[in-house]
C-alpha atoms as a PDB file:
ATOM      1  CA  MET A   1       7.034  50.251  40.765  1.00  0.00           C
ATOM      2  CA  VAL A   2       3.647  49.187  39.384  1.00  0.00           C
ATOM      3  CA  ALA A   3       5.246  46.256  37.536  1.00  0.00           C
ATOM      4  CA  VAL A   4       6.698  44.925  40.784  1.00  0.00           C
ATOM      5  CA  VAL A   5       3.302  44.993  42.519  1.00  0.00           C
ATOM      6  CA  VAL A   6       1.599  43.244  39.627  1.00  0.00           C
ATOM      7  CA  GLU A   7       4.259  40.539  39.506  1.00  0.00           C
ATOM      8  CA  SER A   8       4.018  39.842  43.259  1.00  0.00           C
ATOM      9  CA  GLU A   9       0.227  39.533  43.044  1.00  0.00           C
ATOM     10  CA  ALA A  10       0.334  37.321  39.936  1.00  0.00           C
ATOM     11  CA  GLY A  11       3.160  35.113  41.192  1.00  0.00           C
ATOM     12  CA  PRO A  12       1.164  32.920  43.573  1.00  0.00           C
ATOM     13  CA  LEU A  13      -1.583  32.469  40.993  1.00  0.00           C
ATOM     14  CA  LEU A  14       0.877  31.369  38.325  1.00  0.00           C
ATOM     15  CA  SER A  15       2.661  29.018  40.716  1.00  0.00           C
ATOM     16  CA  ASP A  16      -0.690  27.489  41.677  1.00  0.00           C
ATOM     17  CA  GLN A  17      -1.514  26.994  38.014  1.00  0.00           C
ATOM     18  CA  ALA A  18       1.877  25.421  37.411  1.00  0.00           C
ATOM     19  CA  TYR A  19       1.490  23.195  40.455  1.00  0.00           C
ATOM     20  CA  LEU A  20      -1.901  21.877  39.326  1.00  0.00           C
ATOM     21  CA  ALA A  21      -0.732  21.339  35.749  1.00  0.00           C
ATOM     22  CA  ILE A  22       2.441  19.471  36.704  1.00  0.00           C
ATOM     23  CA  ARG A  23       0.635  17.455  39.357  1.00  0.00           C
ATOM     24  CA  ASP A  24      -1.875  16.382  36.722  1.00  0.00           C
ATOM     25  CA  LEU A  25       0.944  15.295  34.400  1.00  0.00           C
ATOM     26  CA  ILE A  26       2.348  13.137  37.205  1.00  0.00           C
ATOM     27  CA  VAL A  27      -0.982  11.693  38.359  1.00  0.00           C
ATOM     28  CA  THR A  28      -2.114  10.753  34.844  1.00  0.00           C
ATOM     29  CA  LEU A  29       1.312   9.216  34.131  1.00  0.00           C
ATOM     30  CA  GLU A  30       2.132  11.590  31.298  1.00  0.00           C
ATOM     31  CA  LEU A  31       5.192  12.043  33.480  1.00  0.00           C
ATOM     32  CA  PRO A  32       5.630   8.421  34.631  1.00  0.00           C
ATOM     33  CA  PRO A  33       7.450   7.242  37.769  1.00  0.00           C
ATOM     34  CA  GLY A  34      11.191   7.687  37.356  1.00  0.00           C
ATOM     35  CA  ALA A  35      10.908  10.248  34.551  1.00  0.00           C
ATOM     36  CA  VAL A  36      13.399  13.104  34.539  1.00  0.00           C
ATOM     37  CA  VAL A  37      11.778  16.401  35.508  1.00  0.00           C
ATOM     38  CA  SER A  38      13.162  19.268  33.454  1.00  0.00           C
ATOM     39  CA  GLU A  39      12.373  22.850  34.431  1.00  0.00           C
ATOM     40  CA  ALA A  40      13.119  24.017  30.907  1.00  0.00           C
ATOM     41  CA  ASP A  41      10.796  21.442  29.321  1.00  0.00           C
ATOM     42  CA  LEU A  42       7.990  22.311  31.738  1.00  0.00           C
ATOM     43  CA  MET A  43       8.433  26.023  31.105  1.00  0.00           C
ATOM     44  CA  THR A  44       7.987  25.376  27.381  1.00  0.00           C
ATOM     45  CA  ARG A  45       5.110  22.955  27.883  1.00  0.00           C
ATOM     46  CA  LEU A  46       3.190  25.214  30.265  1.00  0.00           C
ATOM     47  CA  MET A  47       4.279  28.478  28.596  1.00  0.00           C
ATOM     48  CA  MET A  48       5.345  29.851  31.976  1.00  0.00           C
ATOM     49  CA  GLY A  49       8.449  31.430  33.420  1.00  0.00           C
ATOM     50  CA  ARG A  50      11.025  29.774  35.627  1.00  0.00           C
ATOM     51  CA  THR A  51       9.767  31.157  38.961  1.00  0.00           C
ATOM     52  CA  PRO A  52       6.237  29.645  39.011  1.00  0.00           C
ATOM     53  CA  VAL A  53       7.513  26.329  37.657  1.00  0.00           C
ATOM     54  CA  ARG A  54      10.273  26.178  40.257  1.00  0.00           C
ATOM     55  CA  GLU A  55       7.862  27.036  43.077  1.00  0.00           C
ATOM     56  CA  ALA A  56       5.474  24.340  41.867  1.00  0.00           C
ATOM     57  CA  LEU A  57       8.239  21.755  41.796  1.00  0.00           C
ATOM     58  CA  ARG A  58       9.213  22.626  45.368  1.00  0.00           C
ATOM     59  CA  SER A  59       5.619  22.015  46.485  1.00  0.00           C
ATOM     60  CA  LEU A  60       5.474  18.706  44.623  1.00  0.00           C
ATOM     61  CA  ALA A  61       8.748  17.646  46.213  1.00  0.00           C
ATOM     62  CA  ARG A  62       7.295  18.388  49.661  1.00  0.00           C
ATOM     63  CA  GLU A  63       4.342  16.165  48.760  1.00  0.00           C
ATOM     64  CA  ARG A  64       6.719  13.360  47.720  1.00  0.00           C
ATOM     65  CA  LEU A  65       5.600  13.380  44.097  1.00  0.00           C
ATOM     66  CA  ILE A  66       9.053  14.473  42.963  1.00  0.00           C
ATOM     67  CA  ASP A  67      12.421  13.236  44.226  1.00  0.00           C
ATOM     68  CA  VAL A  68      15.277  15.738  44.252  1.00  0.00           C
ATOM     69  CA  TYR A  69      18.868  14.491  44.173  1.00  0.00           C
ATOM     70  CA  PRO A  70      21.703  17.019  44.524  1.00  0.00           C
ATOM     71  CA  ARG A  71      23.901  17.110  41.419  1.00  0.00           C
ATOM     72  CA  ARG A  72      21.692  14.501  39.708  1.00  0.00           C
ATOM     73  CA  GLY A  73      18.459  16.378  39.198  1.00  0.00           C
ATOM     74  CA  MET A  74      14.745  15.833  39.757  1.00  0.00           C
ATOM     75  CA  PHE A  75      12.729  12.715  39.002  1.00  0.00           C
ATOM     76  CA  VAL A  76       9.084  11.721  39.306  1.00  0.00           C
ATOM     77  CA  ALA A  77       8.791   9.693  42.494  1.00  0.00           C
ATOM     78  CA  GLY A  78       8.405   5.947  42.149  1.00  0.00           C
ATOM     79  CA  VAL A  79       5.452   3.897  43.367  1.00  0.00           C
ATOM     80  CA  ASP A  80       5.421   0.461  44.975  1.00  0.00           C
ATOM     81  CA  ALA A  81       3.016  -1.748  46.908  1.00  0.00           C
ATOM     82  CA  ARG A  82       4.144  -0.299  50.227  1.00  0.00           C
ATOM     83  CA  ASP A  83       2.839   3.093  49.102  1.00  0.00           C
ATOM     84  CA  LEU A  84      -0.614   1.605  48.592  1.00  0.00           C
ATOM     85  CA  ALA A  85      -0.603  -0.077  52.004  1.00  0.00           C
ATOM     86  CA  SER A  86       0.540   3.072  53.801  1.00  0.00           C
ATOM     87  CA  LEU A  87      -1.924   5.271  51.946  1.00  0.00           C
ATOM     88  CA  SER A  88      -4.786   2.911  52.695  1.00  0.00           C
ATOM     89  CA  GLU A  89      -3.914   2.841  56.392  1.00  0.00           C
ATOM     90  CA  ALA A  90      -4.014   6.629  56.561  1.00  0.00           C
ATOM     91  CA  ARG A  91      -7.122   7.015  54.408  1.00  0.00           C
ATOM     92  CA  ALA A  92      -8.973   4.322  56.382  1.00  0.00           C
ATOM     93  CA  VAL A  93      -8.664   6.555  59.446  1.00  0.00           C
ATOM     94  CA  LEU A  94      -9.088  10.021  57.943  1.00  0.00           C
ATOM     95  CA  GLU A  95     -11.665   9.584  55.160  1.00  0.00           C
ATOM     96  CA  PRO A  96     -14.363   8.166  57.476  1.00  0.00           C
ATOM     97  CA  ALA A  97     -13.591  11.005  59.906  1.00  0.00           C
ATOM     98  CA  ALA A  98     -14.119  13.523  57.096  1.00  0.00           C
ATOM     99  CA  ALA A  99     -17.397  11.862  56.078  1.00  0.00           C
ATOM    100  CA  ARG A 100     -18.568  11.938  59.709  1.00  0.00           C
ATOM    101  CA  LEU A 101     -17.786  15.645  60.006  1.00  0.00           C
ATOM    102  CA  ALA A 102     -19.376  16.384  56.622  1.00  0.00           C
ATOM    103  CA  ALA A 103     -22.653  14.819  57.774  1.00  0.00           C
ATOM    104  CA  ARG A 104     -22.615  16.990  60.881  1.00  0.00           C
ATOM    105  CA  ARG A 105     -21.613  20.237  59.158  1.00  0.00           C
ATOM    106  CA  LEU A 106     -23.591  20.063  55.905  1.00  0.00           C
ATOM    107  CA  THR A 107     -25.234  23.376  55.005  1.00  0.00           C
ATOM    108  CA  GLU A 108     -28.142  24.153  52.713  1.00  0.00           C
ATOM    109  CA  SER A 109     -25.769  25.380  50.016  1.00  0.00           C
ATOM    110  CA  ASP A 110     -23.780  22.144  50.390  1.00  0.00           C
ATOM    111  CA  LYS A 111     -26.988  20.183  49.789  1.00  0.00           C
ATOM    112  CA  ALA A 112     -27.410  21.831  46.398  1.00  0.00           C
ATOM    113  CA  VAL A 113     -23.898  20.717  45.387  1.00  0.00           C
ATOM    114  CA  LEU A 114     -24.498  17.247  46.837  1.00  0.00           C
ATOM    115  CA  ASP A 115     -27.747  16.874  44.884  1.00  0.00           C
ATOM    116  CA  GLN A 116     -25.932  17.818  41.681  1.00  0.00           C
ATOM    117  CA  LEU A 117     -23.321  15.149  42.360  1.00  0.00           C
ATOM    118  CA  LEU A 118     -26.048  12.581  42.972  1.00  0.00           C
ATOM    119  CA  ALA A 119     -27.691  13.578  39.685  1.00  0.00           C
ATOM    120  CA  GLU A 120     -24.384  13.085  37.870  1.00  0.00           C
ATOM    121  CA  LEU A 121     -24.042   9.635  39.427  1.00  0.00           C
ATOM    122  CA  ASP A 122     -27.547   8.769  38.239  1.00  0.00           C
ATOM    123  CA  ALA A 123     -26.717  10.007  34.742  1.00  0.00           C
ATOM    124  CA  LEU A 124     -23.747   7.675  34.297  1.00  0.00           C
ATOM    125  CA  GLY A 125     -24.334   5.425  31.319  1.00  0.00           C
ATOM    126  CA  SER A 126     -23.691   1.711  31.090  1.00  0.00           C
ATOM    127  CA  THR A 127     -20.221   2.300  29.590  1.00  0.00           C
ATOM    128  CA  PRO A 128     -19.032   5.668  30.923  1.00  0.00           C
ATOM    129  CA  ASP A 129     -15.730   7.218  29.900  1.00  0.00           C
ATOM    130  CA  GLU A 130     -12.934   6.264  32.301  1.00  0.00           C
ATOM    131  CA  ARG A 131     -11.460   9.752  32.540  1.00  0.00           C
ATOM    132  CA  ALA A 132     -14.917  11.216  33.199  1.00  0.00           C
ATOM    133  CA  LEU A 133     -15.436   8.663  35.964  1.00  0.00           C
ATOM    134  CA  ILE A 134     -12.134   9.538  37.610  1.00  0.00           C
ATOM    135  CA  THR A 135     -12.903  13.252  37.376  1.00  0.00           C
ATOM    136  CA  LEU A 136     -16.258  12.659  39.060  1.00  0.00           C
ATOM    137  CA  ASP A 137     -14.630  10.486  41.720  1.00  0.00           C
ATOM    138  CA  ARG A 138     -12.178  13.285  42.487  1.00  0.00           C
ATOM    139  CA  ARG A 139     -14.998  15.817  42.818  1.00  0.00           C
ATOM    140  CA  LEU A 140     -16.977  13.490  45.079  1.00  0.00           C
ATOM    141  CA  HIS A 141     -14.112  12.980  47.490  1.00  0.00           C
ATOM    142  CA  ARG A 142     -13.118  16.624  47.515  1.00  0.00           C
ATOM    143  CA  PHE A 143     -16.708  17.619  48.229  1.00  0.00           C
ATOM    144  CA  VAL A 144     -16.569  15.478  51.359  1.00  0.00           C
ATOM    145  CA  TYR A 145     -13.207  16.947  52.371  1.00  0.00           C
ATOM    146  CA  ALA A 146     -14.420  20.524  51.921  1.00  0.00           C
ATOM    147  CA  THR A 147     -17.734  19.902  53.683  1.00  0.00           C
ATOM    148  CA  ALA A 148     -15.897  18.579  56.745  1.00  0.00           C
ATOM    149  CA  ARG A 149     -14.735  22.187  57.217  1.00  0.00           C
ATOM    150  CA  ASN A 150     -11.377  21.355  58.690  1.00  0.00           C
ATOM    151  CA  PRO A 151      -8.625  22.867  56.508  1.00  0.00           C
ATOM    152  CA  PHE A 152      -5.899  20.714  58.038  1.00  0.00           C
ATOM    153  CA  LEU A 153      -7.853  17.532  57.396  1.00  0.00           C
ATOM    154  CA  GLU A 154      -8.816  18.722  53.911  1.00  0.00           C
ATOM    155  CA  SER A 155      -5.249  19.457  52.807  1.00  0.00           C
ATOM    156  CA  THR A 156      -3.955  16.164  54.212  1.00  0.00           C
ATOM    157  CA  LEU A 157      -6.669  14.141  52.503  1.00  0.00           C
ATOM    158  CA  ASP A 158      -6.227  16.005  49.233  1.00  0.00           C
ATOM    159  CA  GLU A 159      -2.534  15.074  49.227  1.00  0.00           C
ATOM    160  CA  GLN A 160      -3.301  11.440  50.053  1.00  0.00           C
ATOM    161  CA  TYR A 161      -5.979  11.270  47.371  1.00  0.00           C
ATOM    162  CA  THR A 162      -3.504  12.565  44.780  1.00  0.00           C
ATOM    163  CA  HIS A 163      -1.105   9.718  45.569  1.00  0.00           C
ATOM    164  CA  ALA A 164      -3.940   7.170  45.512  1.00  0.00           C
ATOM    165  CA  LEU A 165      -5.140   8.525  42.183  1.00  0.00           C
ATOM    166  CA  ARG A 166      -1.701   8.063  40.631  1.00  0.00           C
ATOM    167  CA  ILE A 167      -1.743   4.394  41.685  1.00  0.00           C
ATOM    168  CA  TRP A 168      -5.265   4.121  40.245  1.00  0.00           C
ATOM    169  CA  PHE A 169      -4.033   5.355  36.864  1.00  0.00           C
ATOM    170  CA  MET A 170      -1.236   2.769  36.944  1.00  0.00           C
ATOM    171  CA  ALA A 171      -3.802  -0.020  37.283  1.00  0.00           C
ATOM    172  CA  LEU A 172      -6.516   1.541  35.126  1.00  0.00           C
ATOM    173  CA  ASP A 173      -6.308  -0.856  32.182  1.00  0.00           C
ATOM    174  CA  ARG A 174      -6.669  -3.843  34.528  1.00  0.00           C
ATOM    175  CA  LEU A 175      -9.583  -2.585  36.609  1.00  0.00           C
ATOM    176  CA  PRO A 176     -13.007  -3.980  35.679  1.00  0.00           C
ATOM    177  CA  HIS A 177     -16.262  -2.323  36.749  1.00  0.00           C
ATOM    178  CA  LEU A 178     -14.738   1.081  37.385  1.00  0.00           C
ATOM    179  CA  ASP A 179     -18.202   2.631  37.287  1.00  0.00           C
ATOM    180  CA  ASP A 180     -19.351   0.424  40.171  1.00  0.00           C
ATOM    181  CA  ALA A 181     -16.570   1.797  42.373  1.00  0.00           C
ATOM    182  CA  VAL A 182     -17.609   5.372  41.613  1.00  0.00           C
ATOM    183  CA  LYS A 183     -21.302   4.617  42.121  1.00  0.00           C
ATOM    184  CA  GLU A 184     -20.504   3.443  45.665  1.00  0.00           C
ATOM    185  CA  HIS A 185     -20.367   7.117  46.569  1.00  0.00           C
ATOM    186  CA  ARG A 186     -24.167   7.296  46.402  1.00  0.00           C
ATOM    187  CA  ASP A 187     -24.531   5.595  49.795  1.00  0.00           C
ATOM    188  CA  ILE A 188     -21.893   7.904  51.276  1.00  0.00           C
ATOM    189  CA  LEU A 189     -23.551  11.053  49.937  1.00  0.00           C
ATOM    190  CA  GLU A 190     -27.032   9.958  50.976  1.00  0.00           C
ATOM    191  CA  ALA A 191     -25.841   9.297  54.535  1.00  0.00           C
ATOM    192  CA  ILE A 192     -24.209  12.729  54.618  1.00  0.00           C
ATOM    193  CA  ARG A 193     -27.391  14.349  53.315  1.00  0.00           C
ATOM    194  CA  ARG A 194     -29.461  12.663  56.042  1.00  0.00           C
ATOM    195  CA  GLY A 195     -26.987  13.848  58.651  1.00  0.00           C
ATOM    196  CA  ASP A 196     -26.243  10.243  59.588  1.00  0.00           C
ATOM    197  CA  ALA A 197     -22.636  10.734  60.635  1.00  0.00           C
ATOM    198  CA  GLU A 198     -21.910   7.164  61.705  1.00  0.00           C
ATOM    199  CA  GLN A 199     -23.369   5.598  58.569  1.00  0.00           C
ATOM    200  CA  ALA A 200     -21.429   8.068  56.431  1.00  0.00           C
ATOM    201  CA  ALA A 201     -18.223   6.992  58.182  1.00  0.00           C
ATOM    202  CA  ILE A 202     -19.043   3.285  57.840  1.00  0.00           C
ATOM    203  CA  THR A 203     -19.808   3.489  54.114  1.00  0.00           C
ATOM    204  CA  MET A 204     -16.706   5.585  53.453  1.00  0.00           C
ATOM    205  CA  ALA A 205     -14.541   3.047  55.316  1.00  0.00           C
ATOM    206  CA  ALA A 206     -15.990   0.233  53.200  1.00  0.00           C
ATOM    207  CA  HIS A 207     -15.320   2.217  50.039  1.00  0.00           C
ATOM    208  CA  ILE A 208     -11.667   2.834  50.945  1.00  0.00           C
ATOM    209  CA  ASP A 209     -11.171  -0.826  51.836  1.00  0.00           C
ATOM    210  CA  GLY A 210     -12.727  -1.897  48.536  1.00  0.00           C
ATOM    211  CA  PHE A 211     -10.488   0.493  46.614  1.00  0.00           C
ATOM    212  CA  GLU A 212      -7.343  -0.976  48.157  1.00  0.00           C
ATOM    213  CA  THR A 213      -8.494  -4.543  47.499  1.00  0.00           C
ATOM    214  CA  SER A 214      -9.289  -3.823  43.837  1.00  0.00           C
ATOM    215  CA  ILE A 215      -6.040  -1.979  43.194  1.00  0.00           C
ATOM    216  CA  ARG A 216      -3.947  -4.629  44.950  1.00  0.00           C
ATOM    217  CA  LYS A 217      -5.451  -7.349  42.725  1.00  0.00           C
ATOM    218  CA  ALA A 218      -4.746  -5.300  39.614  1.00  0.00           C
ATOM    219  CA  LEU A 219      -1.142  -4.354  40.344  1.00  0.00           C
END
């Protein structure tokens, strides 16, 4: 009886871990578009059982990162230019809205996190590591999403950002001045810290537009 309780409590945690691990493999192109997705291989790779891996794959399929074909199997979803255009349209509406809300709902504890992010931006060297830059970019955007304090908006934007990040990785070796794109967040964060909701929205909109333009040129 105790074993059943422990398993039910641990299950969601393991499936979340599996979800994040597999999503990272897809986003970073270790599992490239079109690759076969094997439950057995992922179980071995992640050292997890079938249930958490299967639950993770279901979530990734709902987020359109995995395509499931009856009797054929599962494959990493493809990417094309239309994905970038559609993502940019959605992000151009929702990301500025999140930045606007973040400026209005910023708390004192949020300011401490924001100041740490600003310090990390200031500490970027002249030739920062690309993976470190992308990790920081992810944290910057997710800070804005969380600070907006709208769970529906946050989950939607997190899903959209994941898709955008996968496209970013596809173009990574052809993108110059990656650090400049990440440093653009300073103006967004400073507007949020001042509580200037409209300026936060304007600077976020410009950032999203610049991201699409840069990626489109590189693809």
